[in-house]
Amino acid sequence: MDEISEGDKAELFKRYEKVGRELDQFIEELDGKGYQVAANYVSNAKRHLFTYLGTWLELGIRCPRTTSLIERLMREIGRRLKKIAFGWSESGAAKMARMVIARILNPPGWREHWEDRKEIASNAIIVLLGVDVVS
């Protein structure tokens, strides 16, 4: 993780606040002209627009996008359980969820687990002897 200098942090925080105020003014203008749907759209987008930047400036370091990681994790678990594991037992689905969590949150540990598990590192050779084409 890269630290952000105090000078850059202060400058970026000023710009961050300025852009936030300008967006608020834009939302008010849209609402004042009767464009409530557009104002609502921009307002909803603004709520999530600066999540990463706000976290970065608050902590002073460039960090993982926490909402993205959580959303990715939940999306992957949902995809596996709804599409791949449909009809699995509860214990099987729980094992699948634990595997997805381990794979996403601890990639080196996941690779190490499977290297230990397969026990064939450099012990297997696959030789392709030929291919038959059937018309």
Protein backbone atom coordinates (compact mmCIF):
# COMPACT_ATOMS: atom_id res chain seq x y z
CA MET A 1 0.00 0.00 0.00
CA ASP A 2 1.27 3.46 -0.89
CA GLU A 3 1.06 6.22 1.67
CA ILE A 4 -0.28 9.57 0.56
CA SER A 5 1.70 12.67 1.53
CA GLU A 6 0.06 15.16 3.87
CA GLY A 7 0.30 17.90 1.25
CA ASP A 8 -1.41 15.81 -1.40
CA LYS A 9 -3.96 14.60 1.13
CA ALA A 10 -4.94 18.17 2.08
CA GLU A 11 -5.13 19.30 -1.56
CA LEU A 12 -7.18 16.29 -2.63
CA PHE A 13 -9.52 16.68 0.35
CA LYS A 14 -10.23 20.31 -0.66
CA ARG A 15 -10.99 19.21 -4.24
CA TYR A 16 -13.10 16.32 -2.95
CA GLU A 17 -15.23 18.68 -0.84
CA LYS A 18 -15.52 21.20 -3.70
CA VAL A 19 -16.73 18.58 -6.17
CA GLY A 20 -19.21 17.30 -3.58
CA ARG A 21 -20.64 20.81 -3.11
CA GLU A 22 -20.86 21.32 -6.89
CA LEU A 23 -22.73 18.06 -7.28
CA ASP A 24 -25.14 19.12 -4.51
CA GLN A 25 -25.76 22.40 -6.36
CA PHE A 26 -26.33 20.50 -9.61
CA ILE A 27 -28.86 18.23 -7.88
CA GLU A 28 -30.66 21.27 -6.47
CA GLU A 29 -30.76 22.89 -9.93
CA LEU A 30 -32.21 19.77 -11.51
CA ASP A 31 -34.78 19.48 -8.74
CA GLY A 32 -35.63 23.18 -8.95
CA LYS A 33 -36.33 22.88 -12.68
CA GLY A 34 -38.66 19.96 -12.05
CA TYR A 35 -36.34 17.18 -13.17
CA GLN A 36 -36.84 15.03 -10.07
CA VAL A 37 -35.92 11.75 -11.76
CA ALA A 38 -32.60 13.18 -13.00
CA ALA A 39 -31.93 14.79 -9.61
CA ASN A 40 -32.63 11.48 -7.89
CA TYR A 41 -30.32 9.64 -10.31
CA VAL A 42 -27.41 12.04 -9.71
CA SER A 43 -28.05 11.97 -5.96
CA ASN A 44 -27.96 8.17 -5.86
CA ALA A 45 -24.82 8.10 -7.99
CA LYS A 46 -23.12 10.71 -5.76
CA ARG A 47 -23.61 8.55 -2.65
CA HIS A 48 -21.38 5.84 -4.12
CA LEU A 49 -19.16 7.97 -6.31
CA PHE A 50 -16.67 8.97 -3.63
CA THR A 51 -16.69 5.91 -1.35
CA TYR A 52 -13.20 4.78 -2.35
CA LEU A 53 -11.76 8.30 -2.41
CA GLY A 54 -13.24 9.14 1.00
CA THR A 55 -11.78 5.99 2.53
CA TRP A 56 -8.42 6.67 0.91
CA LEU A 57 -8.28 10.25 2.20
CA GLU A 58 -9.54 9.29 5.66
CA LEU A 59 -6.95 6.55 6.15
CA GLY A 60 -4.17 8.35 4.30
CA ILE A 61 -3.22 5.24 2.35
CA ARG A 62 -4.33 3.71 -0.91
CA CYS A 63 -6.31 0.72 0.18
CA PRO A 64 -8.45 -1.96 -1.41
CA ARG A 65 -11.90 -0.84 -2.44
CA THR A 66 -13.69 -2.47 0.41
CA THR A 67 -17.13 -2.34 -1.16
CA SER A 68 -15.79 -3.88 -4.36
CA LEU A 69 -14.15 -6.76 -2.52
CA ILE A 70 -17.26 -7.49 -0.50
CA GLU A 71 -19.50 -7.19 -3.55
CA ARG A 72 -17.21 -9.44 -5.59
CA LEU A 73 -17.14 -12.00 -2.81
CA MET A 74 -20.91 -12.03 -2.40
CA ARG A 75 -21.49 -12.11 -6.17
CA GLU A 76 -19.15 -15.08 -6.57
CA ILE A 77 -20.72 -16.98 -3.68
CA GLY A 78 -24.19 -16.24 -5.05
CA ARG A 79 -23.22 -17.32 -8.55
CA ARG A 80 -21.73 -20.57 -7.33
CA LEU A 81 -24.62 -21.40 -5.04
CA LYS A 82 -27.40 -20.42 -7.44
CA LYS A 83 -26.01 -21.74 -10.70
CA ILE A 84 -23.31 -24.31 -10.02
CA ALA A 85 -24.36 -25.72 -6.65
CA PHE A 86 -28.12 -25.61 -7.14
CA GLY A 87 -29.61 -28.52 -5.25
CA TRP A 88 -26.53 -29.18 -3.12
CA SER A 89 -26.85 -30.11 0.52
CA GLU A 90 -26.39 -27.39 3.10
CA SER A 91 -22.99 -28.75 4.14
CA GLY A 92 -21.84 -28.94 0.49
CA ALA A 93 -22.94 -25.36 -0.13
CA ALA A 94 -21.14 -24.24 3.03
CA LYS A 95 -17.93 -25.92 1.85
CA MET A 96 -18.26 -24.21 -1.53
CA ALA A 97 -18.73 -20.82 0.16
CA ARG A 98 -15.65 -21.38 2.34
CA MET A 99 -13.62 -22.29 -0.76
CA VAL A 100 -14.70 -19.12 -2.57
CA ILE A 101 -13.88 -16.98 0.46
CA ALA A 102 -10.44 -18.57 0.82
CA ARG A 103 -9.70 -18.22 -2.91
CA ILE A 104 -10.62 -14.52 -3.02
CA LEU A 105 -9.32 -13.33 0.36
CA ASN A 106 -6.13 -15.41 0.55
CA PRO A 107 -4.84 -16.26 -2.98
CA PRO A 108 -1.32 -17.33 -1.86
CA GLY A 109 -2.76 -19.60 0.84
CA TRP A 110 -5.24 -21.01 -1.67
CA ARG A 111 -2.47 -21.88 -4.16
CA GLU A 112 -0.35 -23.39 -1.38
CA HIS A 113 -3.31 -25.48 -0.20
CA TRP A 114 -3.82 -26.95 -3.65
CA GLU A 115 -0.10 -27.50 -4.27
CA ASP A 116 0.02 -29.53 -1.04
CA ARG A 117 -3.26 -31.25 -1.83
CA LYS A 118 -2.52 -32.44 -5.34
CA GLU A 119 0.83 -33.99 -4.36
CA ILE A 120 1.86 -34.31 -8.00
CA ALA A 121 4.06 -31.25 -8.37
CA SER A 122 6.51 -32.21 -11.12
CA ASN A 123 5.63 -35.89 -10.69
CA ALA A 124 3.24 -36.22 -13.63
CA ILE A 125 3.96 -35.94 -17.34
CA ILE A 126 1.19 -35.84 -19.92
CA VAL A 127 2.16 -36.90 -23.42
CA LEU A 128 -0.21 -36.27 -26.34
CA LEU A 129 0.22 -39.11 -28.82
CA GLY A 130 -2.18 -37.92 -31.46
CA VAL A 131 -5.56 -36.51 -32.35
CA ASP A 132 -8.23 -38.30 -34.38
CA VAL A 133 -10.55 -36.08 -36.42
CA VAL A 134 -14.03 -37.51 -36.89
CA SER A 135 -16.05 -36.01 -39.72
